[in-house]
C-alpha atoms as a PDB file:
ATOM      1  CA  MET A   1      -5.775   8.807   9.480  1.00  0.00           C
ATOM      2  CA  ILE A   2      -8.598   8.723   7.657  1.00  0.00           C
ATOM      3  CA  LEU A   3      -8.724   9.278   4.067  1.00  0.00           C
ATOM      4  CA  ALA A   4     -11.007  10.792   1.739  1.00  0.00           C
ATOM      5  CA  VAL A   5     -13.500   7.806   1.381  1.00  0.00           C
ATOM      6  CA  GLY A   6     -13.715   7.621   5.065  1.00  0.00           C
ATOM      7  CA  ILE A   7     -10.639   4.700   4.945  1.00  0.00           C
ATOM      8  CA  TYR A   8      -9.175   4.844   8.218  1.00  0.00           C
ATOM      9  CA  VAL A   9      -5.288   4.078   7.353  1.00  0.00           C
ATOM     10  CA  PRO A  10      -2.519   3.664  10.642  1.00  0.00           C
ATOM     11  CA  THR A  11      -0.037   6.403  10.669  1.00  0.00           C
ATOM     12  CA  ALA A  12       2.779   3.645  10.628  1.00  0.00           C
ATOM     13  CA  MET A  13       1.492   2.463   7.442  1.00  0.00           C
ATOM     14  CA  VAL A  14       1.483   6.506   6.058  1.00  0.00           C
ATOM     15  CA  GLN A  15       4.350   7.154   7.937  1.00  0.00           C
ATOM     16  CA  GLN A  16       6.059   3.499   6.649  1.00  0.00           C
ATOM     17  CA  PHE A  17       4.778   4.858   2.291  1.00  0.00           C
ATOM     18  CA  GLU A  18       6.734   7.901   2.945  1.00  0.00           C
ATOM     19  CA  ASN A  19       9.887   6.984   3.823  1.00  0.00           C
ATOM     20  CA  THR A  20       9.257   4.043   0.896  1.00  0.00           C
ATOM     21  CA  LEU A  21       8.777   6.942  -1.522  1.00  0.00           C
ATOM     22  CA  ASP A  22      12.249   8.784  -0.552  1.00  0.00           C
ATOM     23  CA  ASN A  23      13.523   6.170  -0.208  1.00  0.00           C
ATOM     24  CA  ARG A  24      12.925   4.441  -2.876  1.00  0.00           C
ATOM     25  CA  ALA A  25      16.304   4.550  -5.276  1.00  0.00           C
ATOM     26  CA  THR A  26      18.692   4.023  -1.788  1.00  0.00           C
ATOM     27  CA  ASP A  27      16.444   0.785  -0.578  1.00  0.00           C
ATOM     28  CA  ILE A  28      16.476  -2.553  -2.514  1.00  0.00           C
ATOM     29  CA  SER A  29      13.938  -4.041  -0.122  1.00  0.00           C
ATOM     30  CA  VAL A  30      10.489  -2.432  -1.323  1.00  0.00           C
ATOM     31  CA  LEU A  31       9.038  -4.291  -4.319  1.00  0.00           C
ATOM     32  CA  ASP A  32       7.834  -2.865  -6.891  1.00  0.00           C
ATOM     33  CA  ARG A  33       4.114  -4.782  -6.311  1.00  0.00           C
ATOM     34  CA  GLN A  34       4.775  -3.691  -2.554  1.00  0.00           C
ATOM     35  CA  GLN A  35       4.932  -0.181  -3.667  1.00  0.00           C
ATOM     36  CA  GLN A  36       1.911  -0.190  -5.851  1.00  0.00           C
ATOM     37  CA  VAL A  37      -0.219  -2.311  -3.107  1.00  0.00           C
ATOM     38  CA  LEU A  38       0.361   0.453  -0.264  1.00  0.00           C
ATOM     39  CA  SER A  39       0.485   3.222  -3.529  1.00  0.00           C
ATOM     40  CA  MET A  40      -3.703   2.357  -3.761  1.00  0.00           C
ATOM     41  CA  ILE A  41      -4.254   2.060  -1.094  1.00  0.00           C
ATOM     42  CA  MET A  42      -2.975   5.593   0.035  1.00  0.00           C
ATOM     43  CA  GLN A  43      -5.659   6.100  -2.583  1.00  0.00           C
ATOM     44  CA  GLY A  44      -8.158   4.353  -0.967  1.00  0.00           C
ATOM     45  CA  HIS A  45      -9.285   1.438  -2.520  1.00  0.00           C
ATOM     46  CA  THR A  46      -9.660  -1.707  -1.327  1.00  0.00           C
ATOM     47  CA  ASN A  47      -7.662  -4.707  -1.036  1.00  0.00           C
ATOM     48  CA  LYS A  48     -10.805  -6.872  -3.227  1.00  0.00           C
ATOM     49  CA  VAL A  49     -10.891  -3.601  -5.822  1.00  0.00           C
ATOM     50  CA  ILE A  50      -6.875  -4.137  -5.124  1.00  0.00           C
ATOM     51  CA  ALA A  51      -6.185  -7.410  -5.752  1.00  0.00           C
ATOM     52  CA  VAL A  52      -8.793  -7.213  -8.730  1.00  0.00           C
ATOM     53  CA  GLU A  53      -7.174  -4.162 -10.923  1.00  0.00           C
ATOM     54  CA  LEU A  54      -3.210  -6.702 -10.000  1.00  0.00           C
ATOM     55  CA  ASN A  55      -4.597  -9.111 -10.909  1.00  0.00           C
ATOM     56  CA  VAL A  56      -3.440 -11.336  -7.609  1.00  0.00           C
ATOM     57  CA  VAL A  57      -5.854 -12.566  -4.337  1.00  0.00           C
ATOM     58  CA  GLU A  58      -7.061 -10.425  -1.716  1.00  0.00           C
ATOM     59  CA  ALA A  59      -4.680 -12.333   0.478  1.00  0.00           C
ATOM     60  CA  THR A  60      -1.511 -10.620  -0.790  1.00  0.00           C
ATOM     61  CA  VAL A  61      -3.056  -7.475  -1.307  1.00  0.00           C
ATOM     62  CA  THR A  62      -2.892  -7.828   3.002  1.00  0.00           C
ATOM     63  CA  MET A  63       0.107  -9.328   3.232  1.00  0.00           C
ATOM     64  CA  GLN A  64       1.712  -6.813   1.089  1.00  0.00           C
ATOM     65  CA  GLY A  65      -0.240  -3.572   3.153  1.00  0.00           C
ATOM     66  CA  SER A  66       1.137  -4.638   5.981  1.00  0.00           C
ATOM     67  CA  ARG A  67       4.774  -5.145   5.932  1.00  0.00           C
END
């Protein structure tokens, strides 16, 4: 999937994010931070921007986005 801003997001990541939102009430394995990261990825933010906004290092964003 390519977002409006031209950023490629793997289909599996999109599906995982959608499933996470659907199952949020019952799936306690998804951390709030991971949901924030995935939401910002879906909005087209870069890892660097997400890291600055969430006050974490870029490697944390990369790891949270890949789970």
